[in-house]
Structure formats: C-alpha cells, structure tokens
PDB file of N, CA and C in Angstrom:
ATOM      1  N   MET A   1       0.563  -1.016  -0.206  1.00  0.00           N
ATOM      2  CA  MET A   1       0.350  -0.166   0.236  1.00  0.00           C
ATOM      3  C   MET A   1       1.128   1.320  -0.114  1.00  0.00           C
ATOM      4  N   GLU A   2       0.197   2.262  -0.912  1.00  0.00           N
ATOM      5  CA  GLU A   2       1.374   3.531  -0.642  1.00  0.00           C
ATOM      6  C   GLU A   2       0.631   4.827  -0.107  1.00  0.00           C
ATOM      7  N   TRP A   3       0.590   6.050   0.123  1.00  0.00           N
ATOM      8  CA  TRP A   3       0.011   6.909   0.265  1.00  0.00           C
ATOM      9  C   TRP A   3       0.798   8.080  -0.209  1.00  0.00           C
ATOM     10  N   GLU A   4      -0.085   8.775  -0.926  1.00  0.00           N
ATOM     11  CA  GLU A   4       0.722  10.218  -1.278  1.00  0.00           C
ATOM     12  C   GLU A   4      -0.331  11.238  -0.740  1.00  0.00           C
ATOM     13  N   PHE A   5       0.863  12.027  -0.105  1.00  0.00           N
ATOM     14  CA  PHE A   5       0.417  13.901   0.323  1.00  0.00           C
ATOM     15  C   PHE A   5       1.011  14.530   0.283  1.00  0.00           C
ATOM     16  N   GLU A   6      -0.307  15.885   0.429  1.00  0.00           N
ATOM     17  CA  GLU A   6       1.070  17.276   0.035  1.00  0.00           C
ATOM     18  C   GLU A   6       1.089  17.679   1.800  1.00  0.00           C
ATOM     19  N   GLY A   7       2.053  18.549   2.121  1.00  0.00           N
ATOM     20  CA  GLY A   7       1.859  18.940   3.758  1.00  0.00           C
ATOM     21  C   GLY A   7       3.268  20.100   3.505  1.00  0.00           C
ATOM     22  N   GLU A   8       3.586  20.578   4.423  1.00  0.00           N
ATOM     23  CA  GLU A   8       4.269  21.990   4.819  1.00  0.00           C
ATOM     24  C   GLU A   8       4.877  21.440   5.614  1.00  0.00           C
ATOM     25  N   ILE A   9       6.333  21.473   5.190  1.00  0.00           N
ATOM     26  CA  ILE A   9       7.581  21.672   6.334  1.00  0.00           C
ATOM     27  C   ILE A   9       7.178  22.487   6.936  1.00  0.00           C
ATOM     28  N   ILE A  10       7.577  21.526   8.885  1.00  0.00           N
ATOM     29  CA  ILE A  10       7.596  22.753   9.904  1.00  0.00           C
ATOM     30  C   ILE A  10       8.596  22.010  10.707  1.00  0.00           C
ATOM     31  N   GLU A  11       9.105  22.821  11.239  1.00  0.00           N
ATOM     32  CA  GLU A  11      10.518  23.160  12.165  1.00  0.00           C
ATOM     33  C   GLU A  11       9.858  22.968  13.732  1.00  0.00           C
ATOM     34  N   TRP A  12      10.504  21.852  14.682  1.00  0.00           N
ATOM     35  CA  TRP A  12      10.057  21.828  15.749  1.00  0.00           C
ATOM     36  C   TRP A  12      11.518  21.777  16.635  1.00  0.00           C
ATOM     37  N   ARG A  13      11.477  22.764  17.670  1.00  0.00           N
ATOM     38  CA  ARG A  13      12.542  22.755  18.310  1.00  0.00           C
ATOM     39  C   ARG A  13      13.024  22.234  19.027  1.00  0.00           C
ATOM     40  N   GLY A  14      14.267  21.982  19.747  1.00  0.00           N
ATOM     41  CA  GLY A  14      14.463  21.187  20.705  1.00  0.00           C
ATOM     42  C   GLY A  14      15.967  21.589  21.125  1.00  0.00           C
ATOM     43  N   PRO A  15      16.884  20.484  21.482  1.00  0.00           N
ATOM     44  CA  PRO A  15      18.060  21.023  21.458  1.00  0.00           C
ATOM     45  C   PRO A  15      18.547  21.424  20.551  1.00  0.00           C
ATOM     46  N   ALA A  16      18.183  20.817  18.964  1.00  0.00           N
ATOM     47  CA  ALA A  16      18.560  20.826  17.519  1.00  0.00           C
ATOM     48  C   ALA A  16      17.125  21.411  16.968  1.00  0.00           C
ATOM     49  N   PRO A  17      17.319  21.565  16.169  1.00  0.00           N
ATOM     50  CA  PRO A  17      15.991  21.853  15.212  1.00  0.00           C
ATOM     51  C   PRO A  17      15.571  20.505  14.418  1.00  0.00           C
ATOM     52  N   PHE A  18      14.617  19.976  14.189  1.00  0.00           N
ATOM     53  CA  PHE A  18      14.015  18.968  13.501  1.00  0.00           C
ATOM     54  C   PHE A  18      13.100  19.634  12.422  1.00  0.00           C
ATOM     55  N   TYR A  19      13.420  19.320  11.168  1.00  0.00           N
ATOM     56  CA  TYR A  19      12.188  19.093  10.252  1.00  0.00           C
ATOM     57  C   TYR A  19      11.438  18.093   9.917  1.00  0.00           C
ATOM     58  N   PHE A  20       9.889  18.053   9.914  1.00  0.00           N
ATOM     59  CA  PHE A  20       9.049  17.517   9.216  1.00  0.00           C
ATOM     60  C   PHE A  20       7.746  17.960   8.622  1.00  0.00           C
ATOM     61  N   VAL A  21       7.527  16.765   7.768  1.00  0.00           N
ATOM     62  CA  VAL A  21       6.113  16.711   6.822  1.00  0.00           C
ATOM     63  C   VAL A  21       4.591  16.128   7.927  1.00  0.00           C
ATOM     64  N   ALA A  22       3.985  16.457   8.299  1.00  0.00           N
ATOM     65  CA  ALA A  22       2.840  16.336   9.117  1.00  0.00           C
ATOM     66  C   ALA A  22       2.014  15.425   8.055  1.00  0.00           C
ATOM     67  N   MET A  23       1.368  14.201   7.807  1.00  0.00           N
ATOM     68  CA  MET A  23       0.289  13.507   7.556  1.00  0.00           C
ATOM     69  C   MET A  23      -0.977  14.254   7.880  1.00  0.00           C
ATOM     70  N   SER A  24      -1.815  13.598   6.989  1.00  0.00           N
ATOM     71  CA  SER A  24      -3.088  14.173   7.519  1.00  0.00           C
ATOM     72  C   SER A  24      -3.987  13.171   9.106  1.00  0.00           C
ATOM     73  N   GLU A  25      -4.781  13.540   9.779  1.00  0.00           N
ATOM     74  CA  GLU A  25      -5.194  12.888  10.392  1.00  0.00           C
ATOM     75  C   GLU A  25      -5.725  11.275  10.208  1.00  0.00           C
ATOM     76  N   ASP A  26      -6.616  11.487   8.958  1.00  0.00           N
ATOM     77  CA  ASP A  26      -7.517   9.906   8.062  1.00  0.00           C
ATOM     78  C   ASP A  26      -6.386   9.241   7.601  1.00  0.00           C
ATOM     79  N   GLY A  27      -4.913   9.859   6.945  1.00  0.00           N
ATOM     80  CA  GLY A  27      -4.102   8.820   6.176  1.00  0.00           C
ATOM     81  C   GLY A  27      -3.109   8.327   6.859  1.00  0.00           C
ATOM     82  N   SER A  28      -2.961   8.870   8.595  1.00  0.00           N
ATOM     83  CA  SER A  28      -2.288   8.656  10.052  1.00  0.00           C
ATOM     84  C   SER A  28      -3.194   7.104  10.117  1.00  0.00           C
ATOM     85  N   ALA A  29      -4.522   7.661  10.331  1.00  0.00           N
ATOM     86  CA  ALA A  29      -4.890   6.353  10.801  1.00  0.00           C
ATOM     87  C   ALA A  29      -5.334   5.071  10.105  1.00  0.00           C
ATOM     88  N   GLU A  30      -5.440   5.422   8.647  1.00  0.00           N
ATOM     89  CA  GLU A  30      -5.686   4.112   8.001  1.00  0.00           C
ATOM     90  C   GLU A  30      -4.152   3.536   7.420  1.00  0.00           C
ATOM     91  N   LEU A  31      -2.897   4.282   7.795  1.00  0.00           N
ATOM     92  CA  LEU A  31      -1.396   4.162   7.809  1.00  0.00           C
ATOM     93  C   LEU A  31      -1.330   2.908   8.938  1.00  0.00           C
ATOM     94  N   LYS A  32      -1.901   3.692  10.129  1.00  0.00           N
ATOM     95  CA  LYS A  32      -1.648   2.802  11.286  1.00  0.00           C
ATOM     96  C   LYS A  32      -2.423   1.521  10.800  1.00  0.00           C
ATOM     97  N   GLU A  33      -3.472   1.291  10.725  1.00  0.00           N
ATOM     98  CA  GLU A  33      -4.196   0.320  10.228  1.00  0.00           C
ATOM     99  C   GLU A  33      -3.403  -0.983   9.722  1.00  0.00           C
ATOM    100  N   GLU A  34      -2.991  -0.737   8.364  1.00  0.00           N
ATOM    101  CA  GLU A  34      -2.453  -1.482   7.624  1.00  0.00           C
ATOM    102  C   GLU A  34      -0.780  -1.876   8.008  1.00  0.00           C
ATOM    103  N   ALA A  35      -0.713  -0.744   8.904  1.00  0.00           N
ATOM    104  CA  ALA A  35       1.353  -1.474   9.123  1.00  0.00           C
ATOM    105  C   ALA A  35       1.292  -1.723  10.505  1.00  0.00           C
ATOM    106  N   ARG A  36       0.148  -2.077  10.935  1.00  0.00           N
ATOM    107  CA  ARG A  36      -0.191  -2.429  12.359  1.00  0.00           C
ATOM    108  C   ARG A  36       1.370  -3.479  13.039  1.00  0.00           C
ATOM    109  N   SER A  37       1.204  -4.405  11.521  1.00  0.00           N
ATOM    110  CA  SER A  37       2.370  -5.207  12.672  1.00  0.00           C
ATOM    111  C   SER A  37       4.005  -4.749  12.283  1.00  0.00           C
ATOM    112  N   LEU A  38       3.926  -3.618  11.497  1.00  0.00           N
ATOM    113  CA  LEU A  38       5.734  -3.173  11.410  1.00  0.00           C
ATOM    114  C   LEU A  38       5.523  -2.150  12.834  1.00  0.00           C
ATOM    115  N   ILE A  39       4.536  -1.564  13.204  1.00  0.00           N
ATOM    116  CA  ILE A  39       4.612  -0.789  14.412  1.00  0.00           C
ATOM    117  C   ILE A  39       5.986  -1.101  15.546  1.00  0.00           C
ATOM    118  N   TYR A  40       6.378  -0.282  15.989  1.00  0.00           N
ATOM    119  CA  TYR A  40       7.304  -0.670  17.155  1.00  0.00           C
ATOM    120  C   TYR A  40       7.734   0.976  17.602  1.00  0.00           C
ATOM    121  N   TRP A  41       7.553   0.393  18.765  1.00  0.00           N
ATOM    122  CA  TRP A  41       7.519   1.651  20.064  1.00  0.00           C
ATOM    123  C   TRP A  41       6.848   2.977  19.342  1.00  0.00           C
ATOM    124  N   GLY A  42       5.904   2.687  18.593  1.00  0.00           N
ATOM    125  CA  GLY A  42       4.498   3.938  18.301  1.00  0.00           C
ATOM    126  C   GLY A  42       5.363   4.159  17.129  1.00  0.00           C
ATOM    127  N   GLN A  43       6.285   3.778  16.208  1.00  0.00           N
ATOM    128  CA  GLN A  43       6.613   3.853  15.232  1.00  0.00           C
ATOM    129  C   GLN A  43       6.219   3.049  13.769  1.00  0.00           C
ATOM    130  N   VAL A  44       6.428   3.633  13.011  1.00  0.00           N
ATOM    131  CA  VAL A  44       5.858   2.888  11.846  1.00  0.00           C
ATOM    132  C   VAL A  44       7.571   3.054  10.515  1.00  0.00           C
ATOM    133  N   PRO A  45       8.265   2.155  10.303  1.00  0.00           N
ATOM    134  CA  PRO A  45       9.073   2.197   9.168  1.00  0.00           C
ATOM    135  C   PRO A  45       8.822   2.429   8.058  1.00  0.00           C
ATOM    136  N   VAL A  46       9.183   3.554   7.033  1.00  0.00           N
ATOM    137  CA  VAL A  46       8.457   3.766   5.858  1.00  0.00           C
ATOM    138  C   VAL A  46       9.576   3.952   4.657  1.00  0.00           C
ATOM    139  N   HIS A  47       9.294   3.888   3.778  1.00  0.00           N
ATOM    140  CA  HIS A  47      10.035   4.416   2.497  1.00  0.00           C
ATOM    141  C   HIS A  47       9.382   5.426   2.156  1.00  0.00           C
ATOM    142  N   VAL A  48      10.406   6.612   1.478  1.00  0.00           N
ATOM    143  CA  VAL A  48       9.854   7.457   0.948  1.00  0.00           C
ATOM    144  C   VAL A  48      10.173   8.302  -0.252  1.00  0.00           C
ATOM    145  N   VAL A  49       9.764   9.112  -0.824  1.00  0.00           N
ATOM    146  CA  VAL A  49       9.995   9.779  -2.018  1.00  0.00           C
ATOM    147  C   VAL A  49       9.244  11.408  -1.966  1.00  0.00           C
ATOM    148  N   ILE A  50      10.757  11.892  -2.034  1.00  0.00           N
ATOM    149  CA  ILE A  50      10.450  13.338  -2.130  1.00  0.00           C
ATOM    150  C   ILE A  50      10.596  14.208  -3.174  1.00  0.00           C
ATOM    151  N   GLY A  51      10.225  14.327  -4.185  1.00  0.00           N
ATOM    152  CA  GLY A  51      10.770  15.038  -5.547  1.00  0.00           C
ATOM    153  C   GLY A  51      11.496  13.796  -5.627  1.00  0.00           C
ATOM    154  N   GLY A  52      12.951  13.941  -5.909  1.00  0.00           N
ATOM    155  CA  GLY A  52      13.530  13.009  -6.946  1.00  0.00           C
ATOM    156  C   GLY A  52      14.639  12.114  -6.120  1.00  0.00           C
ATOM    157  N   THR A  53      14.326  12.370  -4.364  1.00  0.00           N
ATOM    158  CA  THR A  53      15.270  11.868  -3.358  1.00  0.00           C
ATOM    159  C   THR A  53      14.283  10.880  -2.789  1.00  0.00           C
ATOM    160  N   GLU A  54      14.379   9.566  -2.774  1.00  0.00           N
ATOM    161  CA  GLU A  54      13.864   8.410  -1.757  1.00  0.00           C
ATOM    162  C   GLU A  54      15.022   8.100  -0.924  1.00  0.00           C
ATOM    163  N   PHE A  55      14.108   7.593   0.208  1.00  0.00           N
ATOM    164  CA  PHE A  55      14.976   7.308   1.372  1.00  0.00           C
ATOM    165  C   PHE A  55      14.499   6.537   2.206  1.00  0.00           C
ATOM    166  N   THR A  56      14.812   5.979   3.349  1.00  0.00           N
ATOM    167  CA  THR A  56      13.945   5.336   4.316  1.00  0.00           C
ATOM    168  C   THR A  56      13.993   6.353   5.647  1.00  0.00           C
ATOM    169  N   THR A  57      13.209   5.711   6.546  1.00  0.00           N
ATOM    170  CA  THR A  57      12.670   6.613   7.785  1.00  0.00           C
ATOM    171  C   THR A  57      11.768   6.194   8.800  1.00  0.00           C
ATOM    172  N   ALA A  58      11.521   6.504  10.020  1.00  0.00           N
ATOM    173  CA  ALA A  58      10.588   5.622  10.707  1.00  0.00           C
ATOM    174  C   ALA A  58       9.671   6.707  11.317  1.00  0.00           C
ATOM    175  N   LEU A  59       8.526   7.010  10.816  1.00  0.00           N
ATOM    176  CA  LEU A  59       7.288   7.604  11.216  1.00  0.00           C
ATOM    177  C   LEU A  59       7.419   8.045  12.793  1.00  0.00           C
ATOM    178  N   PHE A  60       7.048   9.734  13.143  1.00  0.00           N
ATOM    179  CA  PHE A  60       6.450   9.974  14.505  1.00  0.00           C
ATOM    180  C   PHE A  60       5.053  10.109  15.061  1.00  0.00           C
ATOM    181  N   PRO A  61       4.599   9.079  15.839  1.00  0.00           N
ATOM    182  CA  PRO A  61       3.372   9.670  16.304  1.00  0.00           C
ATOM    183  C   PRO A  61       3.155  11.188  17.292  1.00  0.00           C
ATOM    184  N   ARG A  62       2.312  11.964  16.717  1.00  0.00           N
ATOM    185  CA  ARG A  62       2.642  13.574  17.455  1.00  0.00           C
ATOM    186  C   ARG A  62       0.950  13.901  17.254  1.00  0.00           C
ATOM    187  N   ASP A  63       0.255  13.633  18.627  1.00  0.00           N
ATOM    188  CA  ASP A  63      -1.162  14.121  18.015  1.00  0.00           C
ATOM    189  C   ASP A  63      -2.313  13.456  17.421  1.00  0.00           C
ATOM    190  N   GLY A  64      -2.329  12.105  16.811  1.00  0.00           N
ATOM    191  CA  GLY A  64      -2.993  11.592  16.143  1.00  0.00           C
ATOM    192  C   GLY A  64      -2.724  11.498  14.487  1.00  0.00           C
ATOM    193  N   ARG A  65      -1.659  12.297  14.582  1.00  0.00           N
ATOM    194  CA  ARG A  65      -0.796  12.492  13.328  1.00  0.00           C
ATOM    195  C   ARG A  65       0.291  11.462  13.337  1.00  0.00           C
ATOM    196  N   TYR A  66       1.302  11.488  11.732  1.00  0.00           N
ATOM    197  CA  TYR A  66       2.709  10.939  11.430  1.00  0.00           C
ATOM    198  C   TYR A  66       3.096  11.903  11.088  1.00  0.00           C
ATOM    199  N   LEU A  67       4.775  11.506  11.744  1.00  0.00           N
ATOM    200  CA  LEU A  67       5.260  13.204  11.535  1.00  0.00           C
ATOM    201  C   LEU A  67       6.313  12.332  10.229  1.00  0.00           C
ATOM    202  N   VAL A  68       6.782  12.440   9.225  1.00  0.00           N
ATOM    203  CA  VAL A  68       7.237  12.360   8.536  1.00  0.00           C
ATOM    204  C   VAL A  68       9.118  13.486   8.676  1.00  0.00           C
ATOM    205  N   PRO A  69      10.231  12.359   9.445  1.00  0.00           N
ATOM    206  CA  PRO A  69      11.185  13.420   9.204  1.00  0.00           C
ATOM    207  C   PRO A  69      12.023  13.687   8.220  1.00  0.00           C
ATOM    208  N   LEU A  70      12.518  14.831   8.402  1.00  0.00           N
ATOM    209  CA  LEU A  70      13.624  15.651   7.064  1.00  0.00           C
ATOM    210  C   LEU A  70      14.634  15.523   7.407  1.00  0.00           C
ATOM    211  N   LYS A  71      15.075  14.758   7.050  1.00  0.00           N
ATOM    212  CA  LYS A  71      17.401  14.625   7.159  1.00  0.00           C
ATOM    213  C   LYS A  71      17.374  16.318   6.401  1.00  0.00           C
ATOM    214  N   ASP A  72      18.959  16.700   6.799  1.00  0.00           N
ATOM    215  CA  ASP A  72      19.348  17.454   6.237  1.00  0.00           C
ATOM    216  C   ASP A  72      19.336  17.758   4.526  1.00  0.00           C
ATOM    217  N   ALA A  73      20.163  16.137   4.298  1.00  0.00           N
ATOM    218  CA  ALA A  73      20.361  15.720   3.144  1.00  0.00           C
ATOM    219  C   ALA A  73      19.330  15.430   2.406  1.00  0.00           C
ATOM    220  N   VAL A  74      18.178  15.302   2.342  1.00  0.00           N
ATOM    221  CA  VAL A  74      16.668  15.186   1.747  1.00  0.00           C
ATOM    222  C   VAL A  74      16.718  16.889   1.535  1.00  0.00           C
ATOM    223  N   ARG A  75      16.640  17.688   2.395  1.00  0.00           N
ATOM    224  CA  ARG A  75      16.164  18.715   2.299  1.00  0.00           C
ATOM    225  C   ARG A  75      17.541  19.588   1.441  1.00  0.00           C
ATOM    226  N   ARG A  76      18.829  19.798   1.497  1.00  0.00           N
ATOM    227  CA  ARG A  76      19.280  20.188   0.857  1.00  0.00           C
ATOM    228  C   ARG A  76      19.131  19.665  -0.773  1.00  0.00           C
ATOM    229  N   ALA A  77      19.126  18.452  -1.105  1.00  0.00           N
ATOM    230  CA  ALA A  77      19.192  17.476  -1.978  1.00  0.00           C
ATOM    231  C   ALA A  77      17.698  18.735  -2.876  1.00  0.00           C
ATOM    232  N   GLU A  78      16.553  18.396  -2.365  1.00  0.00           N
ATOM    233  CA  GLU A  78      15.308  19.049  -2.777  1.00  0.00           C
ATOM    234  C   GLU A  78      15.401  20.817  -3.002  1.00  0.00           C
ATOM    235  N   GLY A  79      16.589  21.073  -2.157  1.00  0.00           N
ATOM    236  CA  GLY A  79      16.188  22.562  -2.387  1.00  0.00           C
ATOM    237  C   GLY A  79      14.908  22.966  -1.176  1.00  0.00           C
ATOM    238  N   ILE A  80      14.712  22.715  -0.569  1.00  0.00           N
ATOM    239  CA  ILE A  80      13.143  22.772   0.636  1.00  0.00           C
ATOM    240  C   ILE A  80      13.564  23.217   1.898  1.00  0.00           C
ATOM    241  N   GLY A  81      12.664  24.000   2.391  1.00  0.00           N
ATOM    242  CA  GLY A  81      13.578  24.437   3.794  1.00  0.00           C
ATOM    243  C   GLY A  81      11.199  24.365   4.631  1.00  0.00           C
ATOM    244  N   GLU A  82      11.522  25.060   5.798  1.00  0.00           N
ATOM    245  CA  GLU A  82      10.398  25.306   6.640  1.00  0.00           C
ATOM    246  C   GLU A  82       9.457  26.497   5.631  1.00  0.00           C
ATOM    247  N   GLY A  83       8.280  25.913   5.916  1.00  0.00           N
ATOM    248  CA  GLY A  83       7.155  26.495   5.271  1.00  0.00           C
ATOM    249  C   GLY A  83       7.253  26.201   3.780  1.00  0.00           C
ATOM    250  N   ASP A  84       7.739  25.066   3.159  1.00  0.00           N
ATOM    251  CA  ASP A  84       7.545  24.916   2.010  1.00  0.00           C
ATOM    252  C   ASP A  84       6.170  23.829   2.029  1.00  0.00           C
ATOM    253  N   VAL A  85       5.823  23.375   0.769  1.00  0.00           N
ATOM    254  CA  VAL A  85       4.925  22.602   0.761  1.00  0.00           C
ATOM    255  C   VAL A  85       5.225  21.145  -0.581  1.00  0.00           C
ATOM    256  N   VAL A  86       5.282  20.057  -0.138  1.00  0.00           N
ATOM    257  CA  VAL A  86       5.913  19.274  -0.772  1.00  0.00           C
ATOM    258  C   VAL A  86       5.004  17.810  -0.716  1.00  0.00           C
ATOM    259  N   THR A  87       5.207  17.130  -1.847  1.00  0.00           N
ATOM    260  CA  THR A  87       4.211  16.018  -2.009  1.00  0.00           C
ATOM    261  C   THR A  87       5.261  15.057  -1.393  1.00  0.00           C
ATOM    262  N   VAL A  88       4.606  14.151  -0.658  1.00  0.00           N
ATOM    263  CA  VAL A  88       5.141  13.203  -0.025  1.00  0.00           C
ATOM    264  C   VAL A  88       4.461  11.670  -0.542  1.00  0.00           C
ATOM    265  N   ILE A  89       5.153  10.824  -0.944  1.00  0.00           N
ATOM    266  CA  ILE A  89       4.953   9.465  -1.281  1.00  0.00           C
ATOM    267  C   ILE A  89       5.629   8.390  -0.299  1.00  0.00           C
ATOM    268  N   LEU A  90       4.880   7.886   0.390  1.00  0.00           N
ATOM    269  CA  LEU A  90       5.671   6.640   1.503  1.00  0.00           C
ATOM    270  C   LEU A  90       4.778   5.579   1.356  1.00  0.00           C
ATOM    271  N   ARG A  91       5.353   3.827   1.289  1.00  0.00           N
ATOM    272  CA  ARG A  91       4.813   2.703   1.664  1.00  0.00           C
ATOM    273  C   ARG A  91       5.469   2.014   3.046  1.00  0.00           C
ATOM    274  N   PRO A  92       5.360   1.500   4.024  1.00  0.00           N
ATOM    275  CA  PRO A  92       5.880   0.578   4.830  1.00  0.00           C
ATOM    276  C   PRO A  92       6.754   0.260   4.541  1.00  0.00           C
ATOM    277  N   ALA A  93       7.727  -0.092   5.601  1.00  0.00           N
ATOM    278  CA  ALA A  93       8.911  -1.029   5.126  1.00  0.00           C
ATOM    279  C   ALA A  93       9.338  -2.113   5.962  1.00  0.00           C
ATOM    280  N   ARG A  94       9.921  -3.087   6.213  1.00  0.00           N
ATOM    281  CA  ARG A  94      10.406  -3.391   7.030  1.00  0.00           C
ATOM    282  C   ARG A  94      11.463  -3.314   7.690  1.00  0.00           C
ATOM    283  N   ARG A  95      11.374  -3.253   8.977  1.00  0.00           N
ATOM    284  CA  ARG A  95      12.085  -2.598  10.079  1.00  0.00           C
ATOM    285  C   ARG A  95      13.597  -2.439   9.922  1.00  0.00           C
ATOM    286  N   ASP A  96      14.273  -3.637   9.217  1.00  0.00           N
ATOM    287  CA  ASP A  96      15.701  -3.975   9.138  1.00  0.00           C
ATOM    288  C   ASP A  96      16.099  -2.395   7.650  1.00  0.00           C
ATOM    289  N   ALA A  97      14.937  -1.860   7.021  1.00  0.00           N
ATOM    290  CA  ALA A  97      15.522  -1.408   6.137  1.00  0.00           C
ATOM    291  C   ALA A  97      15.774   0.326   6.611  1.00  0.00           C
ATOM    292  N   THR A  98      15.490   0.245   7.688  1.00  0.00           N
ATOM    293  CA  THR A  98      15.621   1.952   8.165  1.00  0.00           C
ATOM    294  C   THR A  98      16.726   1.884   8.426  1.00  0.00           C
ATOM    295  N   ALA A  99      17.921   0.795   8.527  1.00  0.00           N
ATOM    296  CA  ALA A  99      18.969   1.347   9.206  1.00  0.00           C
ATOM    297  C   ALA A  99      19.772   1.729   8.582  1.00  0.00           C
ATOM    298  N   GLY A 100      19.499   1.629   7.207  1.00  0.00           N
ATOM    299  CA  GLY A 100      20.613   2.925   6.275  1.00  0.00           C
ATOM    300  C   GLY A 100      20.410   3.777   5.988  1.00  0.00           C
TER     301      GLY A 100
END
C-alpha cells in the first residue's frame, strides 16, 4: 500500500531543530491500521519519496498524526525548507530497511 499527500515542512525546536511533514489524521489512521505488524515503539518504518530523493525513515506519532522526519541531506538535495509545501509518497517498509 502507498500514500501520497502534500504537506508543509514544519520545524520542531528542541536541543537542535528537526524538520517534519505531517500526514493528515485520516491518512495516519489508515497507515496505522495497515502497518500494524510493523509498528515498533509507536514508530512506523517507511520508504519515502520527495521529488527525486528516496530514503527510509521511521514516522513519529504526534497528536493523532504521523510526522515524516526530513534529514538535512534530503532538504539540501531537494532545495526545500521550513514553510515549503512538498508532495510526499510513502509506503511501509520492513524494520531492518530503516537501518541505512
């Protein structure tokens, strides 16, 4: 199964800034149901495509939605930053696929 959605890049400040794109609540609920066997500590391992960049990561649950973390390398490769709206394509991945 695959999800495609648009979302705004948001910054979550902490000791260091982190950048994310949030899925919709409906999409998050659907993903949670479909990927139930893959969820580990509340996180879902996924394969993500943004523009021409493909990567693996784990989604973070937050306030009923999943957040797609955006590494610096992804943001640099796509020339995107906070406030930009991007199209995200993702599909669940095996847990060991997120290690790279």
